[in-house]
Amino acid sequence: MRCKSIYWLAVIMCLFAIGCDNTDDGSYVDPITIYEKVNGNWGLTNLKMVDEFAKANKIEPNEQNLSTYFNYEDFKIKFNVDEKNVPTSYEVTGDVPALFAPKGFWQLSTAFQQTTGNGPAKIYLYSDAQKTQKTDELILTSVPGKSGEMEFQLVHSSGGSPFVSYVFKLNVIN
């Protein structure tokens, strides 16, 4: 008799525990995209030029810090999005030599971080609002996060072989 009482007590407690499991996940919100993270004003903290030929052939030195040359400490870039986080325009400010088009329009190769190992996201730069005339391509090597830092790379190639790249490290400007 005592065994049956314990059994029924255990069954009732299990049913009570299952019946009380009413999880409220809240209301639906759109997932956070890379567009939301890239949107805004960015200031250059470091610009490095990499000689890709020298690097591939293990010739030293193959890198040079350009941050303090040619007024690059004044380099700022602003990526704009509309109210739905769709990318619109971008603009580089500061009296610096242009390594890519100083203003235009932009779009990412993917709105979300890749988990499949297909490589990093790319920022495509365009000269027209319809985004049909691509001017440059930036490789997003470090996606902005809580730290407010971003890194992208501009690679110049000839005949399909990269010969020089520029690595831009940026901090968000409030």
Protein backbone atom coordinates (compact mmCIF):
# COMPACT_ATOMS: atom_id res chain seq x y z
CA MET A 1 0.00 0.00 0.00
CA ARG A 2 2.79 2.35 0.90
CA CYS A 3 4.55 1.63 -2.45
CA LYS A 4 1.39 2.54 -4.36
CA SER A 5 1.09 5.82 -2.44
CA ILE A 6 4.68 6.76 -3.25
CA TYR A 7 4.12 5.78 -6.89
CA TRP A 8 0.98 7.93 -7.19
CA LEU A 9 2.66 10.81 -5.40
CA ALA A 10 5.57 10.64 -7.87
CA VAL A 11 3.18 10.54 -10.86
CA ILE A 12 1.20 13.52 -9.56
CA MET A 13 4.39 15.50 -8.93
CA CYS A 14 5.62 14.76 -12.48
CA LEU A 15 2.30 15.84 -13.98
CA PHE A 16 2.35 18.97 -11.84
CA ALA A 17 5.91 19.82 -12.97
CA ILE A 18 5.05 19.23 -16.63
CA GLY A 19 1.81 21.22 -16.33
CA CYS A 20 3.64 24.23 -14.88
CA ASP A 21 6.18 24.37 -17.70
CA ASN A 22 4.68 27.28 -19.60
CA THR A 23 7.65 28.89 -21.32
CA ASP A 24 7.15 32.41 -22.59
CA ASP A 25 9.69 33.18 -25.32
CA GLY A 26 8.44 36.73 -25.73
CA SER A 27 7.47 38.32 -29.00
CA TYR A 28 9.32 37.84 -32.28
CA VAL A 29 12.08 40.26 -33.21
CA ASP A 30 14.19 40.25 -36.34
CA PRO A 31 17.66 38.73 -35.92
CA ILE A 32 20.63 41.08 -35.59
CA THR A 33 22.41 41.51 -38.90
CA ILE A 34 25.93 42.58 -39.73
CA TYR A 35 24.37 45.71 -41.25
CA GLU A 36 23.31 46.84 -37.78
CA LYS A 37 26.83 46.30 -36.50
CA VAL A 38 28.64 48.05 -39.39
CA ASN A 39 26.22 51.00 -39.50
CA GLY A 40 27.65 54.23 -38.11
CA ASN A 41 30.81 56.31 -37.88
CA TRP A 42 34.23 54.65 -37.68
CA GLY A 43 37.66 56.12 -37.00
CA LEU A 44 40.93 54.54 -38.08
CA THR A 45 43.17 53.18 -35.32
CA ASN A 46 45.66 51.39 -37.57
CA LEU A 47 46.38 51.01 -41.29
CA LYS A 48 48.83 48.36 -42.38
CA MET A 49 50.10 47.81 -45.93
CA VAL A 50 51.02 44.19 -46.70
CA ASP A 51 53.27 43.26 -49.65
CA GLU A 52 51.50 40.04 -50.64
CA PHE A 53 54.30 38.94 -53.01
CA ALA A 54 56.94 39.34 -50.30
CA LYS A 55 54.70 37.61 -47.77
CA ALA A 56 54.07 34.64 -50.09
CA ASN A 57 57.82 34.32 -50.73
CA LYS A 58 58.77 34.80 -47.06
CA ILE A 59 60.68 38.02 -47.77
CA GLU A 60 61.04 40.38 -44.81
CA PRO A 61 59.83 43.03 -44.22
CA ASN A 62 56.48 42.39 -45.85
CA GLU A 63 54.34 44.82 -43.81
CA GLN A 64 54.43 48.53 -43.12
CA ASN A 65 52.32 50.60 -40.75
CA LEU A 66 50.83 53.56 -42.67
CA SER A 67 48.71 54.91 -39.79
CA THR A 68 50.82 58.02 -39.21
CA TYR A 69 51.69 58.70 -42.85
CA PHE A 70 49.67 60.77 -45.32
CA ASN A 71 47.23 62.06 -42.64
CA TYR A 72 45.65 58.62 -42.17
CA GLU A 73 45.13 59.42 -38.50
CA ASP A 74 42.30 61.65 -39.82
CA PHE A 75 40.65 58.79 -41.77
CA LYS A 76 36.99 58.29 -40.90
CA ILE A 77 34.31 56.30 -42.68
CA LYS A 78 30.56 56.36 -42.23
CA PHE A 79 28.31 53.50 -43.31
CA ASN A 80 24.63 54.45 -43.54
CA VAL A 81 21.52 52.26 -43.44
CA ASP A 82 17.83 53.13 -43.73
CA GLU A 83 15.14 52.53 -41.08
CA LYS A 84 14.92 48.83 -42.07
CA ASN A 85 18.72 48.36 -41.78
CA VAL A 86 19.12 48.19 -45.56
CA PRO A 87 22.51 49.66 -46.56
CA THR A 88 22.49 52.97 -48.38
CA SER A 89 25.57 55.17 -48.74
CA TYR A 90 29.06 55.40 -47.31
CA GLU A 91 31.56 58.24 -47.15
CA VAL A 92 35.23 58.57 -46.25
CA THR A 93 36.28 61.85 -44.63
CA GLY A 94 39.67 63.25 -43.76
CA ASP A 95 42.42 64.64 -45.97
CA VAL A 96 43.83 61.22 -46.94
CA PRO A 97 44.87 59.61 -50.22
CA ALA A 98 42.04 57.46 -51.54
CA LEU A 99 42.77 53.74 -51.51
CA PHE A 100 39.18 53.05 -52.61
CA ALA A 101 36.33 55.27 -53.82
CA PRO A 102 35.77 57.91 -51.10
CA LYS A 103 31.98 57.86 -51.39
CA GLY A 104 29.26 55.77 -52.87
CA PHE A 105 26.94 52.98 -51.88
CA TRP A 106 27.52 49.68 -50.12
CA GLN A 107 26.13 46.22 -49.54
CA LEU A 108 27.34 43.08 -47.78
CA SER A 109 27.83 39.69 -49.42
CA THR A 110 25.76 38.24 -46.56
CA ALA A 111 23.59 39.85 -43.90
CA PHE A 112 24.60 37.32 -41.25
CA GLN A 113 27.86 35.91 -39.94
CA GLN A 114 28.88 32.73 -41.73
CA THR A 115 29.01 29.55 -39.68
CA THR A 116 29.72 27.24 -42.61
CA GLY A 117 33.34 28.25 -43.19
CA ASN A 118 32.62 29.88 -46.55
CA GLY A 119 34.99 32.71 -45.72
CA PRO A 120 34.43 36.15 -44.29
CA ALA A 121 31.70 38.54 -45.35
CA LYS A 122 32.59 41.13 -47.98
CA ILE A 123 31.59 44.77 -48.21
CA TYR A 124 30.84 45.62 -51.82
CA LEU A 125 31.27 49.29 -52.76
CA TYR A 126 29.28 50.78 -55.63
CA SER A 127 29.28 54.09 -57.47
CA ASP A 128 25.49 54.06 -58.08
CA ALA A 129 22.45 53.77 -55.82
CA GLN A 130 21.11 50.81 -57.85
CA LYS A 131 24.33 48.93 -56.93
CA THR A 132 25.18 47.85 -60.46
CA GLN A 133 28.63 49.51 -60.82
CA LYS A 134 30.94 47.85 -58.27
CA THR A 135 34.06 49.91 -57.56
CA ASP A 136 35.76 47.90 -54.81
CA GLU A 137 35.45 44.97 -52.47
CA LEU A 138 36.46 45.01 -48.81
CA ILE A 139 36.92 41.77 -46.87
CA LEU A 140 35.35 42.08 -43.42
CA THR A 141 38.00 40.26 -41.36
CA SER A 142 36.60 41.26 -37.96
CA VAL A 143 32.89 41.87 -37.45
CA PRO A 144 32.05 44.65 -34.97
CA GLY A 145 30.83 43.45 -31.62
CA LYS A 146 30.61 44.61 -28.05
CA SER A 147 34.12 46.10 -28.18
CA GLY A 148 33.19 48.51 -30.98
CA GLU A 149 36.08 47.41 -33.21
CA MET A 150 36.01 46.42 -36.85
CA GLU A 151 38.66 45.34 -39.33
CA PHE A 152 38.50 45.07 -43.09
CA GLN A 153 41.02 44.38 -45.81
CA LEU A 154 41.34 45.85 -49.29
CA VAL A 155 43.26 43.61 -51.71
CA HIS A 156 44.72 44.86 -55.00
CA SER A 157 45.37 42.17 -57.61
CA SER A 158 46.88 41.94 -61.06
CA GLY A 159 46.00 39.04 -63.31
CA GLY A 160 44.18 37.35 -60.43
CA SER A 161 47.23 37.45 -58.12
CA PRO A 162 47.18 39.75 -55.10
CA PHE A 163 50.21 42.02 -54.87
CA VAL A 164 49.33 44.43 -52.05
CA SER A 165 46.64 44.62 -49.39
CA TYR A 166 45.65 47.24 -46.86
CA VAL A 167 44.32 46.22 -43.44
CA PHE A 168 42.12 48.87 -41.79
CA LYS A 169 41.46 48.62 -38.05
CA LEU A 170 38.68 50.92 -36.87
CA ASN A 171 36.86 51.93 -33.71
CA VAL A 172 33.29 53.12 -33.52
CA ILE A 173 32.87 56.88 -33.03
CA ASN A 174 29.89 57.92 -30.92
